[in-house]
Structures are given as structure tokens and as C-alpha cells.
Protein backbone atom coordinates (compact mmCIF):
# COMPACT_ATOMS: atom_id res chain seq x y z
CA MET A 1 18.51 81.93 -55.06
CA GLY A 2 16.71 85.04 -53.74
CA GLU A 3 13.85 85.38 -51.16
CA ILE A 4 12.96 82.32 -48.52
CA LYS A 5 9.47 82.14 -47.08
CA VAL A 6 9.09 80.27 -43.61
CA CYS A 7 6.54 80.34 -41.07
CA PHE A 8 7.57 79.11 -37.48
CA LYS A 9 4.87 78.19 -34.82
CA GLU A 10 5.21 78.60 -31.00
CA LYS A 11 3.24 77.53 -28.38
CA LEU A 12 2.01 80.03 -25.73
CA PRO A 13 1.43 79.71 -22.19
CA ASN A 14 -2.07 78.28 -21.22
CA ASN A 15 -4.80 81.17 -21.01
CA GLN A 16 -8.11 80.47 -19.20
CA THR A 17 -11.08 82.23 -18.09
CA LYS A 18 -13.83 81.68 -15.53
CA VAL A 19 -17.40 81.18 -17.11
CA THR A 20 -20.13 81.74 -15.00
CA GLY A 21 -23.80 82.07 -15.28
CA LYS A 22 -27.33 81.51 -14.37
CA ILE A 23 -29.98 79.52 -16.18
CA ASN A 24 -33.70 80.33 -15.25
CA GLU A 25 -36.21 77.89 -15.83
CA PRO A 26 -40.12 78.00 -15.78
CA ALA A 27 -40.23 74.56 -13.77
CA LYS A 28 -39.21 74.24 -10.45
CA ILE A 29 -36.01 72.41 -10.34
CA VAL A 30 -34.28 71.14 -7.43
CA LYS A 31 -31.37 69.08 -8.50
CA VAL A 32 -29.14 69.20 -11.59
CA LEU A 33 -28.36 65.78 -12.46
CA THR A 34 -25.54 66.69 -15.00
CA MET A 35 -24.40 69.48 -16.86
CA LEU A 36 -22.38 69.25 -20.25
CA ALA A 37 -20.51 72.25 -21.12
CA THR A 38 -18.99 72.51 -24.96
CA PRO A 39 -16.70 75.66 -25.73
CA CYS A 40 -16.43 76.85 -29.41
CA VAL A 41 -14.37 79.82 -30.47
CA LYS A 42 -16.28 82.03 -32.39
CA ASN A 43 -13.62 84.93 -33.20
CA VAL A 44 -9.62 85.66 -32.96
CA GLU A 45 -8.91 89.21 -33.12
CA VAL A 46 -4.98 89.86 -33.46
CA ASN A 47 -3.18 93.19 -32.67
CA SER A 48 0.31 93.95 -31.64
CA SER A 49 1.68 91.93 -28.76
CA GLU A 50 -2.00 90.93 -27.99
CA ALA A 51 -5.12 88.88 -29.18
CA LYS A 52 -8.51 88.64 -28.06
CA ILE A 53 -10.60 85.12 -28.20
CA THR A 54 -14.22 85.12 -27.96
CA GLY A 55 -16.27 82.32 -27.90
CA GLU A 56 -19.63 80.68 -26.48
CA LEU A 57 -19.85 77.97 -24.06
CA TYR A 58 -22.77 75.59 -25.03
CA LEU A 59 -24.67 74.13 -22.07
CA THR A 60 -26.84 71.04 -21.97
CA GLY A 61 -28.05 69.42 -18.74
CA ALA A 62 -30.81 67.07 -17.04
CA ALA A 63 -32.26 68.07 -13.87
CA CYS A 64 -34.92 67.14 -11.27
CA LEU A 65 -38.08 68.53 -10.23
CA GLU A 66 -39.75 68.09 -6.94
CA ASP A 67 -41.71 65.10 -8.13
CA ASN A 68 -38.48 63.23 -9.65
CA THR A 69 -39.45 64.36 -13.03
CA VAL A 70 -36.25 64.45 -15.34
CA VAL A 71 -36.24 67.89 -17.63
CA GLU A 72 -33.74 68.97 -20.13
CA THR A 73 -32.35 72.53 -19.41
CA ASN A 74 -30.28 74.45 -22.21
CA SER A 75 -28.18 77.65 -22.38
CA SER A 76 -25.09 79.37 -23.59
CA GLN A 77 -22.31 82.12 -21.84
CA PRO A 78 -19.77 84.23 -23.69
CA PHE A 79 -16.47 84.31 -22.78
CA THR A 80 -13.15 86.31 -23.64
CA ILE A 81 -9.69 85.23 -23.01
CA SER A 82 -7.14 88.07 -23.63
CA VAL A 83 -3.57 86.71 -24.62
CA GLU A 84 -0.50 88.75 -24.24
CA SER A 85 2.82 88.03 -25.77
CA ALA A 86 5.82 90.03 -27.52
CA LYS A 87 5.62 87.07 -29.91
CA ILE A 88 2.39 88.22 -31.49
CA GLY A 89 2.35 90.77 -34.63
CA GLN A 90 -0.12 92.42 -36.35
CA ASP A 91 0.06 89.93 -38.98
CA SER A 92 0.51 86.71 -36.91
CA LYS A 93 -1.75 83.87 -37.36
CA LEU A 94 -3.53 82.08 -34.31
CA GLU A 95 -3.96 77.98 -34.02
CA VAL A 96 -6.42 77.74 -30.98
CA TYR A 97 -7.51 74.66 -29.52
CA CYS A 98 -10.47 75.64 -26.63
CA ASN A 99 -11.52 73.04 -24.22
CA LYS A 100 -13.34 72.84 -20.98
CA ILE A 101 -10.81 71.70 -18.04
CA ASP A 102 -13.25 71.49 -15.11
CA ASN A 103 -16.48 69.67 -14.62
CA VAL A 104 -19.28 72.11 -14.66
CA SER A 105 -19.98 73.09 -10.77
CA THR A 106 -24.08 74.32 -10.56
CA THR A 107 -26.00 75.53 -7.67
CA VAL A 108 -29.71 75.55 -7.32
CA ASN A 109 -31.78 78.04 -5.68
CA ASN A 110 -35.53 78.75 -6.00
CA GLY A 111 -35.21 77.07 -9.20
CA GLU A 112 -32.31 78.90 -10.83
CA ILE A 113 -29.49 77.21 -11.55
CA SER A 114 -25.96 78.79 -11.35
CA ILE A 115 -23.04 77.54 -13.17
CA SER A 116 -19.37 78.11 -13.11
CA THR A 117 -16.62 76.42 -14.85
CA ILE A 118 -13.19 76.94 -16.34
CA VAL A 119 -12.06 77.23 -20.45
CA ASN A 120 -8.67 77.06 -21.40
CA CYS A 121 -7.46 77.85 -24.67
CA ASP A 122 -3.72 75.89 -25.87
CA VAL A 123 -2.67 78.89 -28.33
CA TYR A 124 -0.09 78.50 -31.06
CA VAL A 125 1.06 81.72 -32.86
CA LEU A 126 2.58 81.50 -36.24
CA ASN A 127 4.52 83.86 -37.94
CA CYS A 128 5.64 84.25 -41.19
CA THR A 129 9.11 85.56 -42.55
CA ILE A 130 10.85 86.66 -45.70
CA TYR A 131 14.62 86.17 -45.78
CA ASN A 132 17.13 87.21 -48.32
CA CYS A 133 19.83 84.61 -49.55
CA ALA A 134 23.01 85.82 -50.39
CA GLN A 135 23.51 86.39 -54.22
CA ALA A 136 26.83 85.23 -55.99
CA GLU A 137 29.18 88.05 -57.55
CA GLU A 138 31.69 87.75 -60.20
CA GLY A 139 34.88 86.36 -58.93
CA ILE A 140 33.65 84.66 -56.30
CA PHE A 141 32.78 80.90 -55.97
CA VAL A 142 29.61 80.00 -54.50
CA GLN A 143 28.51 76.47 -52.89
CA GLU A 144 24.70 75.99 -53.30
CA THR A 145 22.50 74.01 -50.85
CA GLU A 146 19.16 72.80 -51.43
CA ILE A 147 16.89 73.35 -48.21
CA GLU A 148 13.03 72.72 -47.50
CA THR A 149 10.96 75.36 -46.53
CA ASN A 150 7.50 75.30 -44.70
CA TYR A 151 4.89 77.95 -45.19
CA ILE A 152 1.39 78.27 -43.99
CA LYS A 153 -1.00 78.70 -47.15
CA GLU A 154 -4.22 79.42 -45.76
CA GLN A 155 -6.25 79.63 -42.57
CA GLY A 156 -10.13 79.67 -42.77
CA LYS A 157 -13.15 78.04 -41.16
CA HIS A 158 -15.73 75.87 -42.67
CA ASN A 159 -19.30 75.34 -41.49
CA PHE A 160 -21.32 72.10 -41.78
CA ALA A 161 -24.02 70.41 -40.09
CA PRO A 162 -24.73 66.61 -40.38
CA SER A 163 -27.77 65.12 -39.10
CA ILE A 164 -28.54 62.07 -37.42
CA ASP A 165 -31.90 60.06 -36.77
CA VAL A 166 -32.75 58.81 -33.17
CA GLU A 167 -35.77 57.39 -31.75
CA ASN A 168 -38.74 59.10 -30.82
CA GLY A 169 -39.37 60.06 -27.28
CA ASN A 170 -39.47 63.05 -24.22
CA ILE A 171 -35.88 63.86 -24.63
CA VAL A 172 -34.21 65.19 -21.54
CA LEU A 173 -30.56 65.85 -22.69
CA LYS A 174 -29.00 65.77 -26.14
CA SER A 175 -25.51 66.28 -26.52
CA TYR A 176 -22.77 65.81 -29.54
CA ASN A 177 -19.06 66.31 -30.18
CA GLY A 178 -16.78 65.26 -33.40
CA ILE A 179 -13.39 64.16 -34.17
CA ILE A 180 -11.20 64.27 -37.38
CA LYS A 181 -9.65 61.01 -38.47
CA ASN A 182 -8.66 61.75 -41.89
CA VAL A 183 -7.43 64.66 -43.84
CA VAL A 184 -6.83 64.27 -47.71
CA ALA A 185 -5.39 67.28 -49.48
CA SER A 186 -6.22 67.73 -53.34
CA GLU A 187 -6.01 70.09 -56.22
CA GLU A 188 -8.32 73.33 -55.04
CA TYR A 189 -9.89 71.53 -52.22
CA PHE A 190 -9.40 68.93 -49.09
CA THR A 191 -11.38 66.36 -47.53
CA ILE A 192 -11.83 65.73 -43.95
CA SER A 193 -13.93 62.58 -42.81
CA GLY A 194 -14.37 61.77 -39.37
CA GLU A 195 -16.98 60.33 -36.73
CA VAL A 196 -19.57 62.13 -35.06
CA VAL A 197 -20.95 61.24 -31.44
CA ALA A 198 -24.30 61.81 -30.44
CA ASN A 199 -25.88 61.53 -26.78
CA VAL A 200 -29.46 61.38 -26.10
CA MET A 201 -30.89 60.78 -22.90
CA TYR A 202 -34.91 60.14 -22.68
CA ASN A 203 -37.44 60.17 -19.54
CA ASP A 204 -39.51 57.02 -20.29
CA ASN A 205 -42.39 57.38 -17.98
CA GLY A 206 -39.84 57.87 -15.05
CA ASN A 207 -37.47 55.79 -16.31
CA ILE A 208 -34.17 57.74 -17.74
CA LYS A 209 -31.92 55.84 -20.47
CA ASN A 210 -29.60 57.14 -22.86
CA SER A 211 -28.40 56.21 -26.44
CA ILE A 212 -24.97 57.11 -27.79
CA LYS A 213 -24.62 56.97 -31.46
CA ASN A 214 -21.37 57.04 -33.58
CA PHE A 215 -21.81 57.94 -37.35
CA HIS A 216 -19.09 58.87 -39.81
CA PHE A 217 -19.00 61.87 -41.86
CA SER A 218 -17.18 63.38 -44.84
CA GLU A 219 -16.76 66.89 -45.66
CA GLU A 220 -15.29 68.41 -49.24
CA VAL A 221 -13.83 72.02 -48.26
CA SER A 222 -12.64 74.01 -51.18
CA CYS A 223 -9.50 75.97 -50.79
CA ALA A 224 -7.97 77.86 -53.38
CA GLY A 225 -4.00 77.15 -54.35
CA ILE A 226 -4.16 73.92 -52.33
CA ASN A 227 -2.34 70.75 -53.89
CA LYS A 228 -2.13 67.13 -52.78
CA GLU A 229 1.32 67.93 -51.25
CA ASP A 230 0.25 70.19 -48.68
CA VAL A 231 -0.76 69.27 -45.19
CA VAL A 232 -3.97 70.23 -43.33
CA HIS A 233 -4.23 70.77 -39.68
CA ILE A 234 -7.95 71.21 -38.52
CA ASN A 235 -9.74 71.07 -35.48
CA ILE A 236 -14.12 70.75 -35.14
CA TYR A 237 -16.76 72.26 -32.66
CA PRO A 238 -20.06 72.04 -32.03
CA CYS A 239 -21.15 75.74 -32.88
CA LEU A 240 -24.59 75.64 -31.67
CA ALA A 241 -27.51 73.83 -30.13
CA PRO A 242 -28.50 70.37 -32.14
CA THR A 243 -31.77 71.40 -34.33
CA VAL A 244 -34.62 69.11 -33.49
CA VAL A 245 -37.03 67.94 -36.19
CA ALA A 246 -39.63 65.57 -34.87
CA GLY A 247 -41.41 63.21 -37.22
CA GLU A 248 -43.88 60.41 -37.06
CA ASP A 249 -41.57 57.47 -36.57
CA LYS A 250 -38.45 59.46 -35.67
CA THR A 251 -36.61 62.57 -34.43
CA THR A 252 -33.80 64.13 -36.38
CA LEU A 253 -31.24 66.09 -34.70
CA GLU A 254 -29.28 68.65 -37.22
CA LEU A 255 -25.80 68.85 -35.59
CA PRO A 256 -23.72 72.12 -36.69
CA PHE A 257 -19.90 72.41 -36.49
CA VAL A 258 -17.16 74.69 -37.31
CA ALA A 259 -14.01 73.42 -38.56
CA ASP A 260 -10.78 75.64 -37.83
CA TYR A 261 -7.76 74.75 -40.34
CA ILE A 262 -4.42 75.91 -41.53
CA VAL A 263 -2.80 74.47 -44.61
CA GLY A 264 0.91 74.16 -44.58
CA SER A 265 2.87 74.16 -47.92
CA LYS A 266 6.56 73.15 -48.66
CA SER A 267 9.10 74.02 -51.45
CA LYS A 268 12.74 73.76 -52.03
CA ALA A 269 14.96 76.62 -52.29
CA GLU A 270 18.58 77.03 -53.26
CA CYS A 271 20.81 79.09 -50.98
CA VAL A 272 24.42 79.64 -51.01
CA ALA A 273 26.10 77.24 -48.03
CA ASP A 274 29.70 78.62 -48.51
CA ALA A 275 31.87 81.19 -50.84
CA TYR A 276 35.37 81.89 -51.49
CA SER A 277 37.55 84.14 -53.91
CA LEU A 278 41.23 83.66 -55.29
CA GLN A 279 41.77 87.14 -54.76
CA ASN A 280 40.05 88.47 -51.62
CA GLU A 281 39.26 86.70 -48.42
CA ILE A 282 35.50 86.55 -47.72
CA ASN A 283 33.16 87.45 -45.02
CA LEU A 284 30.20 85.43 -44.68
CA THR A 285 27.35 86.61 -42.76
CA THR A 286 24.96 83.56 -41.64
CA GLN A 287 21.54 83.83 -40.24
CA SER A 288 19.22 80.96 -38.63
CA ILE A 289 16.19 80.30 -40.22
CA GLU A 290 13.67 79.02 -37.58
CA GLN A 291 10.56 77.17 -39.33
CA THR A 292 7.88 74.58 -38.74
CA GLN A 293 6.87 71.85 -40.53
CA LEU A 294 3.26 70.53 -40.21
CA LEU A 295 3.10 66.56 -40.16
CA PRO A 296 -0.02 64.63 -41.21
CA ASN A 297 -2.55 63.79 -38.24
CA LYS A 298 -2.53 60.76 -36.14
CA TYR A 299 -5.84 59.50 -35.00
CA ILE A 300 -6.03 56.97 -32.26
CA GLU A 301 -9.13 55.03 -30.58
CA GLU A 302 -8.36 53.88 -26.86
CA THR A 303 -10.69 51.96 -24.63
CA ILE A 304 -9.97 53.07 -20.65
CA MET A 305 -11.47 51.52 -17.68
CA GLY A 306 -12.52 53.28 -13.92
CA ASN A 307 -14.69 52.18 -11.13
CA PHE A 308 -16.25 53.91 -8.37
CA VAL A 309 -17.22 52.78 -4.95
CA VAL A 310 -20.22 54.68 -3.66
CA PRO A 311 -19.56 56.06 -0.58
CA GLU A 312 -21.96 55.54 2.37
CA ASP A 313 -23.06 59.03 2.88
CA ILE A 314 -24.83 59.29 -0.35
CA THR A 315 -27.88 57.35 -1.79
CA PRO A 316 -26.89 53.59 -2.83
CA VAL A 317 -26.84 52.45 -6.45
CA ASP A 318 -29.90 50.39 -7.34
CA ARG A 319 -30.01 50.46 -10.89
CA ILE A 320 -27.69 52.96 -13.75
CA MET A 321 -30.09 54.55 -16.09
CA ALA A 322 -27.66 56.93 -18.19
CA VAL A 323 -23.97 57.91 -18.41
CA THR A 324 -22.85 61.00 -20.25
CA GLY A 325 -19.06 61.82 -20.79
CA GLU A 326 -18.50 65.43 -18.93
CA SER A 327 -15.05 66.35 -20.29
CA ILE A 328 -11.55 64.89 -21.05
CA ASN A 329 -8.54 67.14 -19.82
CA VAL A 330 -5.12 66.23 -21.82
CA ILE A 331 -2.37 67.19 -18.97
CA ASN A 332 0.59 65.91 -20.84
CA SER A 333 1.34 64.76 -24.50
CA TYR A 334 5.02 63.62 -25.74
CA ILE A 335 7.01 61.86 -28.15
CA LYS A 336 10.05 59.92 -26.74
CA ASN A 337 11.78 57.11 -28.68
CA GLU A 338 9.38 56.94 -31.50
CA GLU A 339 6.52 56.35 -29.32
CA GLY A 340 3.80 58.82 -28.72
CA ASN A 341 2.13 59.35 -24.83
CA ILE A 342 -1.06 61.12 -24.10
CA GLU A 343 -1.78 61.36 -20.52
CA GLY A 344 -5.27 62.98 -18.97
CA ILE A 345 -8.27 62.60 -17.04
CA ALA A 346 -11.81 61.54 -18.35
CA THR A 347 -14.62 62.37 -16.44
CA VAL A 348 -17.80 60.65 -16.48
CA ASN A 349 -21.12 61.43 -15.12
CA VAL A 350 -23.50 58.31 -13.97
CA VAL A 351 -27.09 59.00 -13.49
CA TYR A 352 -28.90 56.48 -10.97
CA LYS A 353 -31.97 55.22 -9.22
CA GLY A 354 -31.55 54.46 -5.50
CA GLU A 355 -33.74 54.44 -2.37
CA ASP A 356 -33.13 56.05 1.31
CA GLU A 357 -35.32 56.84 3.83
CA ASN A 358 -37.68 59.20 1.81
CA GLY A 359 -38.26 56.50 -0.91
CA GLU A 360 -37.05 56.00 -4.51
CA VAL A 361 -34.70 58.92 -5.66
CA ILE A 362 -32.52 59.72 -8.76
CA ASN A 363 -29.30 60.73 -7.93
CA SER A 364 -25.70 61.13 -9.87
CA VAL A 365 -22.23 60.62 -9.48
CA VAL A 366 -18.93 62.06 -11.16
CA VAL A 367 -15.99 59.36 -11.72
CA ASP A 368 -12.46 60.54 -12.74
CA ILE A 369 -10.63 57.91 -15.08
CA PRO A 370 -6.91 58.58 -15.46
CA PHE A 371 -5.13 57.48 -18.81
CA ASN A 372 -2.01 57.04 -20.35
CA VAL A 373 -2.61 56.50 -24.32
CA SER A 374 0.69 55.14 -26.19
CA PHE A 375 0.98 55.05 -30.01
CA GLN A 376 3.69 54.30 -32.74
CA ALA A 377 5.25 57.05 -33.72
CA THR A 378 8.11 55.75 -35.95
CA ASP A 379 10.65 57.81 -37.83
CA MET A 380 9.54 60.78 -35.25
CA LEU A 381 11.97 62.66 -33.43
CA ASP A 382 11.56 63.72 -29.72
CA ASP A 383 10.99 67.14 -30.79
CA VAL A 384 7.81 66.71 -32.30
CA ASP A 385 5.02 68.68 -31.04
CA ILE A 386 1.27 67.01 -30.14
CA ALA A 387 -1.99 68.95 -30.14
CA CYS A 388 -4.82 66.97 -29.17
CA CYS A 389 -8.44 66.79 -29.75
CA VAL A 390 -10.12 64.09 -27.40
CA ILE A 391 -13.90 63.44 -27.48
CA PHE A 392 -15.91 60.52 -25.66
CA GLY A 393 -17.42 57.42 -27.89
CA ASP A 394 -19.03 54.58 -26.24
CA ILE A 395 -19.61 54.46 -22.54
CA SER A 396 -20.99 51.15 -20.92
CA SER A 397 -21.45 50.86 -17.26
CA LYS A 398 -22.64 48.33 -14.54
CA VAL A 399 -22.93 48.02 -10.56
CA ARG A 400 -20.95 45.02 -8.88
CA LYS A 401 -20.79 44.76 -5.30
CA GLY A 402 -21.38 48.31 -4.37
CA GLN A 403 -19.14 49.98 -7.04
CA ILE A 404 -19.76 51.65 -10.30
CA GLU A 405 -17.58 50.08 -13.05
CA LEU A 406 -16.83 51.81 -16.84
CA VAL A 407 -15.84 50.86 -19.88
CA VAL A 408 -15.07 54.21 -21.85
CA GLN A 409 -14.20 54.79 -25.52
CA ILE A 410 -12.07 57.71 -25.93
CA LYS A 411 -10.86 59.04 -29.62
CA ILE A 412 -8.02 61.51 -30.24
CA ASN A 413 -6.90 63.57 -33.29
CA CYS A 414 -3.24 64.50 -32.81
CA ASN A 415 -2.01 67.31 -35.09
CA LEU A 416 1.61 67.08 -35.42
CA SER A 417 4.62 69.76 -36.09
CA ARG A 418 7.88 69.57 -35.92
CA ASN A 419 10.18 73.11 -35.48
CA TYR A 420 13.71 73.07 -36.69
CA ILE A 421 16.74 75.49 -37.94
CA ASN A 422 18.34 76.19 -40.93
CA ALA A 423 21.61 78.24 -41.40
CA VAL A 424 22.12 79.93 -44.35
CA VAL A 425 24.21 82.72 -45.88
CA THR A 426 22.21 86.11 -46.23
CA GLU A 427 25.66 88.29 -47.23
CA ILE A 428 28.99 87.94 -48.98
CA SER A 429 31.66 90.51 -48.59
CA ARG A 430 35.05 90.83 -49.98
CA GLY A 431 37.98 91.06 -47.16
CA GLU A 432 41.51 91.68 -47.45
CA VAL A 433 43.51 91.22 -50.66
CA LYS A 434 44.80 87.34 -50.51
CA ILE A 435 48.64 86.94 -50.79
CA PRO A 436 49.54 84.63 -53.94
CA ARG A 437 50.87 81.58 -53.14
CA ASP A 438 54.62 81.37 -54.05
CA CYS A 439 54.89 77.69 -55.64
CA ALA A 440 54.40 77.02 -59.04
CA LEU A 441 53.43 73.30 -58.78
CA GLU A 442 51.96 71.61 -55.49
CA ILE A 443 50.70 68.03 -54.94
CA TYR A 444 47.92 67.43 -52.50
CA VAL A 445 46.71 64.65 -50.62
CA VAL A 446 43.03 64.53 -50.19
CA LYS A 447 41.73 63.80 -46.54
CA PRO A 448 39.46 61.60 -45.51
CA ASN A 449 35.51 63.16 -46.11
CA GLU A 450 37.38 66.01 -47.92
CA THR A 451 35.00 67.40 -51.27
CA LEU A 452 36.18 68.82 -54.33
CA TRP A 453 35.10 72.02 -52.70
CA ASP A 454 36.86 71.67 -49.75
CA VAL A 455 40.33 71.10 -51.54
CA GLY A 456 39.40 74.08 -53.82
CA LYS A 457 38.91 76.55 -51.20
CA ASN A 458 42.01 75.27 -49.04
CA LEU A 459 44.42 75.73 -51.91
CA ASN A 460 42.51 78.91 -53.66
CA ILE A 461 42.15 77.46 -56.82
CA SER A 462 38.91 77.02 -58.83
CA THR A 463 36.96 73.36 -58.81
CA GLU A 464 36.98 73.89 -62.64
CA ASP A 465 40.60 74.21 -62.89
CA LEU A 466 41.23 71.12 -60.39
CA ILE A 467 38.76 68.87 -62.65
CA ASN A 468 40.88 69.79 -65.90
CA GLN A 469 44.23 69.19 -64.16
CA ASN A 470 43.43 66.11 -62.95
CA THR A 471 41.14 64.27 -65.77
CA ASP A 472 42.32 61.07 -64.32
CA VAL A 473 40.89 61.60 -60.75
CA ALA A 474 37.30 60.39 -60.44
CA LEU A 475 34.66 61.62 -58.54
CA PRO A 476 33.32 61.80 -55.94
CA LEU A 477 36.83 61.84 -54.10
CA MET A 478 37.27 59.01 -51.64
CA GLY A 479 40.03 60.60 -49.58
CA GLY A 480 43.84 59.46 -50.28
CA GLU A 481 43.94 60.77 -54.17
CA LYS A 482 47.08 62.93 -54.95
CA LEU A 483 46.04 65.88 -56.82
CA VAL A 484 48.54 68.04 -58.74
CA VAL A 485 47.96 71.88 -58.93
CA TYR A 486 49.89 74.21 -61.23
CA ARG A 487 49.81 77.93 -60.44
CA GLY A 488 49.39 80.14 -63.25
CA TYR A 489 47.24 77.92 -65.11
CA SER A 490 43.47 78.70 -65.83
CA SER A 491 41.00 77.10 -67.73
């Protein structure tokens, strides 16, 4: 018995910021077909009652020139989100999940592209606290209990850059993202594995096409002090624009990621649950200990479907050329009756070719697809928190009877945690002197669910004396036993 170290994790209100900027291109751009944006947290600065999150919004898009030629446009915009909360202390740790919750709005004026979107950060604050358990004193009998304690052992970042080979061609858009599928902790390191999804759009002699590639990755991350019983929560973000290495028969894309992780560890601690004295009344000071248990991650894949009826006031669809995943906004996530639910909207951009009164044109439309993904959450309580990371997988499309039909795969990593409370005795003090019982002999009938400790405390006798005076009674007590208590007897 002694010190208990625990960590408690709380979600703060959502924090958002509007990101605007301008992209200047040498070519005369007249229309943006698609603009994809990926936010990446670069730094988190924590002070008392506040924190500052700084990051970069990476933009990649495909745009049309006056002659319908499609070209690539790339840029980045910095962003800052200030978080204020009395729950943030100087030594607090923050777990940040950053995503874009609004489609990128673009306008073109004299070849200059103005962009606007909203970046959202789901912020969890983690505070570690040390509690002192009560210590036993001479002449006081204590009942001990064992509780599980959870704390954050480590927080850090890991950079890695897997690569993928794509076919040669005139690339006009390249975007990528990644998802964690599994995390395995070992001694002094942990292994992460998952998938990277790269979407490459080409201009093939005026015909736009795109290729979506999925590939597996695995990384070992050194982490001092970690062991195989620990739980790692991790999220990965693209942190730079892809590096293109052109070869004779293929093009290699190097895709840099940053992984933000926290390591949760658990142990056992002996604490005082109850106490009594034969001479004095005992006063117990009890304190509630709030703590958070990190649970293993849950990976889910789901196929969702949507359609879009092309309105009469825009160019009708002749042929779909390319599709890109714009954004996925998780609106709600929860567990109820051992079933997990994730609700949100996936937004897909469709680039197509059609004809109007001026001839052949290339145009694009945005399609919103609502989804509700459920998964089995056996043995999980309703109070489990779900922090989601969601990316697009494969996307297929076709045109039928004037409408665009989409089949979209989404990949979801759920970092799960649960808050709970333990009550422990932190101080024992002596009260008034007890009046001795005036009977030398008592016969006590054990009540249902009473333990030996309960009987000893009620009769003001040590459990050791109870056992010595009733050697024929089997333990544990079942209720109904007759115990004989001799006053003045002591072992």
C-alpha cells in the first residue's frame, strides 16, 4: 500500500478553425474539378488552462485550362487552433484527432484559385494524478483490496514513408491516406500494420482516368519501457506532399506519414477498503479515483452506396472519367447493447465528360453519401468512448438512366477507451474510545452474505480470534453458522 498513479482522459468540446488561402498557378486556370485537403498536426503546445495546436493543410487538386486541358495544382496552408479549458494543466497530455469537416470551397479569378474549408480537431486531455493510500497503524485492523490502475506510460511521434509504384503518365492529381489495422506491443517496441490508399489521376491525351491502389505496410516503433501487456492508441496522417521519382517504365511515389501515439499501461495496487479498532471508533476518509483504461483498437471495413441525379441545369453526364474521395465526417459514434455504431457522411467528387451547346466539356459534381456502420462490441459497456479515424478505400462508379451510382469502401480504425471510478481509503483516524461490551460470551448467527471481516467488525473482535474460537467452522462463511465469541480471550 502506498502511492497510486492513474491517468484520466476527457474529451473537450470540438475545436474548429476556418482555413483560407490562394493558389497562384502559371497556367490560366478557369475551373477547379476537384480539390482534396488533408490536415496534419505539426505541434501541440500545452500551457495552464490552454493549448495551441498548429498544423498544415495539404491541398492537391485537378483543374481545367481554357482548352479543357487538365493540370495538377498543389499547395499548403498553415492553421492554428486554440483550445481553452480549466481541465488543461501544465503537465497535461493531449490526444488530437484532426480532420476536415467541410468540402473545400474554390473560386477562380484571373487564374488565381481561392480556397476555403474548415478544419476540426477532436481533443482529449489526459491528466495523470498520484494518490496516497491509507497506511495501517498498530492496533487497527484493515481490510485490503486490489484495484487495477491505468496510466499513460509514453506519448510520441514516429515518421515513416512507404512507397508505391504506379504507371508512367501525365499525373494531374495524387493523393494518399493511411489507416491503422492492428497494433501489437512487445518488449521495448511495438508493431503497427495497416493500409495506405493512393489515388492517382492521369491526363491521357485529353482523357482523364484515375487509379486507386491499396497496399499493406508494417512498421516497428522503438519505445523504451513498453511491454506486451500495454495498449497503444495510434493515428497516422500524411505529413507532406508525395515525392515523385520517375523511372523508365514506372513512377514511384514516396508517401510520408507521421504517427501520433500514446501507450497505456495497467498494474495492480493494494489499497485499504475498510478498517476498525477494538479500542476506538475509526474515521475513514474515502476518495474517488477517476481513471481511463485504453482498450485495444477495432478495425472495420464497410461498403456504402450512393447515387446522384444530375440536375437539368448542369452539363449531362456522358462518361465518368475519375472519382476521388473528398472527405469523411463522423457525426456520431457510440456503443449500445454491445453493438458499436458509427454515423457520418462520405463525400465523393466525380469528374465526368459531357456535351453542352458549346461542345464537349469536362465537369465535376460532389455526391454526399450518409452511412451508419455497426460492429459487434461483445463485453463492452455503453460508456466506452470511440475515437474514429476513417479513410476511403476503393471507389467504383457508373452512369445509369441519368444518375451517377457509386459503390464506396470506407476503412475505419476505432481507438477505444473507458472511464471508471474506484473509491479508496486515503486516511484513517481514531475517534472516540469504545465502551466495552458487558457480556463475556456471545453466540452469533451469521447473516447471508456476511464475511468473516463483517462479523469481526460488528462484534468488535479480531478475525484471528474468531477463527481460533471457532475452529470447527468452515470458511468462507455461507450464512446461518453459529459463532461463539468469548470476551477476554485473545490469541
